[in-house]
Amino acid sequence: MKYANTEKTAVITLDPRTQQEWTVPRGHRFWREWGIDKAEQEGRIDESETMASTGGADGGAIAG
């Protein structure tokens, strides 16, 4: 499970039943039902890839 963006307004995770990848926005009922809220409180959500990158003069932003 990881944040989908630097604002931490969504999480990328797997559906517990189907194991399909979902992006769940903050406030969606799955945030609570799938335990994302508890994982967040416990610090078990990885940073988004743009947050985890380190880099040069642009502060690590990914060009594209």
N, C-alpha and C. Protein backbone atom coordinates (compact mmCIF):
# COMPACT_ATOMS: atom_id res chain seq x y z
N MET A 1 0.86 -1.16 0.00
CA MET A 1 0.00 0.00 0.00
C MET A 1 0.91 1.23 0.00
N LYS A 2 0.54 2.19 -0.87
CA LYS A 2 1.33 3.42 -0.91
C LYS A 2 0.40 4.58 -1.29
N TYR A 3 0.83 5.78 -0.92
CA TYR A 3 0.08 6.96 -1.31
C TYR A 3 0.17 7.14 -2.81
N ALA A 4 -0.91 7.61 -3.41
CA ALA A 4 -0.95 7.80 -4.86
C ALA A 4 -0.37 9.14 -5.27
N ASN A 5 -0.27 10.08 -4.31
CA ASN A 5 0.23 11.41 -4.64
C ASN A 5 0.89 12.04 -3.43
N THR A 6 1.54 13.17 -3.65
CA THR A 6 2.25 13.83 -2.56
C THR A 6 1.32 14.47 -1.55
N GLU A 7 0.07 14.73 -1.95
CA GLU A 7 -0.90 15.33 -1.04
C GLU A 7 -1.52 14.30 -0.09
N LYS A 8 -1.24 13.03 -0.35
CA LYS A 8 -1.77 11.92 0.46
C LYS A 8 -3.29 11.90 0.49
N THR A 9 -3.90 12.21 -0.66
CA THR A 9 -5.36 12.22 -0.75
C THR A 9 -5.92 10.92 -1.31
N ALA A 10 -5.04 9.98 -1.66
CA ALA A 10 -5.47 8.69 -2.18
C ALA A 10 -4.37 7.66 -1.91
N VAL A 11 -4.79 6.41 -1.86
CA VAL A 11 -3.87 5.30 -1.61
C VAL A 11 -4.04 4.26 -2.70
N ILE A 12 -2.94 3.70 -3.15
CA ILE A 12 -2.97 2.58 -4.08
C ILE A 12 -2.82 1.31 -3.24
N THR A 13 -3.80 0.41 -3.36
CA THR A 13 -3.80 -0.81 -2.56
C THR A 13 -4.47 -1.93 -3.33
N LEU A 14 -4.48 -3.11 -2.76
CA LEU A 14 -5.13 -4.26 -3.38
C LEU A 14 -6.47 -4.52 -2.73
N ASP A 15 -7.47 -4.82 -3.56
CA ASP A 15 -8.78 -5.23 -3.07
C ASP A 15 -8.57 -6.52 -2.28
N PRO A 16 -8.99 -6.56 -1.02
CA PRO A 16 -8.74 -7.75 -0.19
C PRO A 16 -9.38 -9.03 -0.74
N ARG A 17 -10.44 -8.90 -1.53
CA ARG A 17 -11.11 -10.09 -2.06
C ARG A 17 -10.54 -10.55 -3.40
N THR A 18 -10.32 -9.60 -4.32
CA THR A 18 -9.93 -9.97 -5.67
C THR A 18 -8.44 -9.79 -5.95
N GLN A 19 -7.74 -9.08 -5.06
CA GLN A 19 -6.33 -8.76 -5.23
C GLN A 19 -6.06 -7.87 -6.44
N GLN A 20 -7.10 -7.19 -6.94
CA GLN A 20 -6.90 -6.21 -7.99
C GLN A 20 -6.45 -4.90 -7.38
N GLU A 21 -5.61 -4.16 -8.11
CA GLU A 21 -5.11 -2.88 -7.62
C GLU A 21 -6.19 -1.81 -7.74
N TRP A 22 -6.36 -1.05 -6.68
CA TRP A 22 -7.33 0.05 -6.65
C TRP A 22 -6.64 1.31 -6.15
N THR A 23 -7.11 2.44 -6.62
CA THR A 23 -6.73 3.72 -6.06
C THR A 23 -7.94 4.21 -5.28
N VAL A 24 -7.79 4.33 -3.97
CA VAL A 24 -8.90 4.67 -3.08
C VAL A 24 -8.71 6.10 -2.58
N PRO A 25 -9.62 7.01 -2.93
CA PRO A 25 -9.49 8.38 -2.45
C PRO A 25 -9.85 8.49 -0.97
N ARG A 26 -9.20 9.43 -0.30
CA ARG A 26 -9.51 9.69 1.11
C ARG A 26 -11.00 10.05 1.22
N GLY A 27 -11.66 9.49 2.19
CA GLY A 27 -13.08 9.74 2.39
C GLY A 27 -13.98 8.67 1.80
N HIS A 28 -13.45 7.84 0.90
CA HIS A 28 -14.23 6.74 0.34
C HIS A 28 -14.47 5.71 1.43
N ARG A 29 -15.59 5.01 1.36
CA ARG A 29 -15.92 4.04 2.42
C ARG A 29 -14.88 2.93 2.54
N PHE A 30 -14.16 2.61 1.45
CA PHE A 30 -13.12 1.59 1.53
C PHE A 30 -11.95 2.02 2.41
N TRP A 31 -11.78 3.35 2.58
CA TRP A 31 -10.69 3.85 3.43
C TRP A 31 -10.81 3.21 4.81
N ARG A 32 -12.03 3.11 5.32
CA ARG A 32 -12.27 2.51 6.63
C ARG A 32 -12.43 0.99 6.52
N GLU A 33 -13.23 0.55 5.56
CA GLU A 33 -13.54 -0.87 5.43
C GLU A 33 -12.30 -1.73 5.15
N TRP A 34 -11.36 -1.22 4.41
CA TRP A 34 -10.16 -1.97 4.07
C TRP A 34 -9.02 -1.70 5.04
N GLY A 35 -9.26 -0.91 6.08
CA GLY A 35 -8.25 -0.68 7.10
C GLY A 35 -7.17 0.32 6.73
N ILE A 36 -7.43 1.12 5.70
CA ILE A 36 -6.44 2.11 5.30
C ILE A 36 -6.25 3.14 6.41
N ASP A 37 -7.33 3.50 7.08
CA ASP A 37 -7.24 4.47 8.18
C ASP A 37 -6.32 3.98 9.29
N LYS A 38 -6.43 2.71 9.64
CA LYS A 38 -5.57 2.15 10.69
C LYS A 38 -4.12 2.06 10.22
N ALA A 39 -3.93 1.66 8.96
CA ALA A 39 -2.58 1.58 8.41
C ALA A 39 -1.93 2.97 8.43
N GLU A 40 -2.70 3.99 8.13
CA GLU A 40 -2.17 5.35 8.14
C GLU A 40 -1.78 5.76 9.55
N GLN A 41 -2.63 5.47 10.52
CA GLN A 41 -2.33 5.80 11.91
C GLN A 41 -1.07 5.10 12.39
N GLU A 42 -0.84 3.90 11.91
CA GLU A 42 0.32 3.11 12.33
C GLU A 42 1.55 3.35 11.46
N GLY A 43 1.44 4.25 10.47
CA GLY A 43 2.57 4.58 9.61
C GLY A 43 2.97 3.47 8.66
N ARG A 44 2.01 2.64 8.25
CA ARG A 44 2.31 1.50 7.39
C ARG A 44 2.03 1.75 5.91
N ILE A 45 1.85 3.00 5.51
CA ILE A 45 1.62 3.32 4.10
C ILE A 45 2.89 3.94 3.55
N ASP A 46 3.38 3.37 2.45
CA ASP A 46 4.59 3.88 1.82
C ASP A 46 4.31 5.23 1.16
N GLU A 47 5.35 6.02 1.05
CA GLU A 47 5.23 7.31 0.37
C GLU A 47 5.02 7.07 -1.12
N SER A 48 4.43 8.06 -1.80
CA SER A 48 4.26 7.94 -3.25
C SER A 48 5.63 7.94 -3.91
N GLU A 49 5.70 7.42 -5.11
CA GLU A 49 6.99 7.33 -5.80
C GLU A 49 7.60 8.71 -6.02
N THR A 50 6.79 9.72 -6.24
CA THR A 50 7.34 11.06 -6.43
C THR A 50 7.90 11.61 -5.14
N MET A 51 7.35 11.20 -4.00
CA MET A 51 7.86 11.65 -2.71
C MET A 51 9.13 10.90 -2.35
N ALA A 52 9.21 9.64 -2.74
CA ALA A 52 10.35 8.81 -2.37
C ALA A 52 11.58 9.09 -3.23
N SER A 53 11.37 9.74 -4.37
CA SER A 53 12.53 9.98 -5.24
C SER A 53 13.37 11.12 -4.70
N THR A 54 14.65 11.00 -4.95
CA THR A 54 15.57 12.09 -4.62
C THR A 54 16.24 12.46 -5.91
N GLY A 55 16.71 13.66 -5.98
CA GLY A 55 17.27 13.97 -7.28
C GLY A 55 18.02 15.26 -7.34
N GLY A 56 18.09 15.76 -8.54
CA GLY A 56 18.92 16.91 -8.84
C GLY A 56 18.28 18.24 -8.52
N ALA A 57 18.56 19.20 -9.37
CA ALA A 57 18.18 20.59 -9.14
C ALA A 57 16.69 20.81 -9.07
N ASP A 58 15.93 19.90 -9.67
CA ASP A 58 14.48 20.10 -9.65
C ASP A 58 13.84 19.52 -8.39
N GLY A 59 14.63 19.09 -7.44
CA GLY A 59 14.09 18.55 -6.19
C GLY A 59 13.56 17.15 -6.30
N GLY A 60 13.89 16.47 -7.39
CA GLY A 60 13.47 15.08 -7.54
C GLY A 60 12.19 14.91 -8.31
N ALA A 61 11.69 15.98 -8.91
CA ALA A 61 10.46 15.85 -9.69
C ALA A 61 10.70 14.96 -10.90
N ILE A 62 9.69 14.22 -11.26
CA ILE A 62 9.81 13.32 -12.40
C ILE A 62 9.30 14.07 -13.63
N ALA A 63 10.15 14.20 -14.61
CA ALA A 63 9.77 14.89 -15.84
C ALA A 63 8.93 13.97 -16.71
N GLY A 64 8.05 14.55 -17.48
CA GLY A 64 7.32 13.69 -18.36
C GLY A 64 6.18 14.37 -18.92
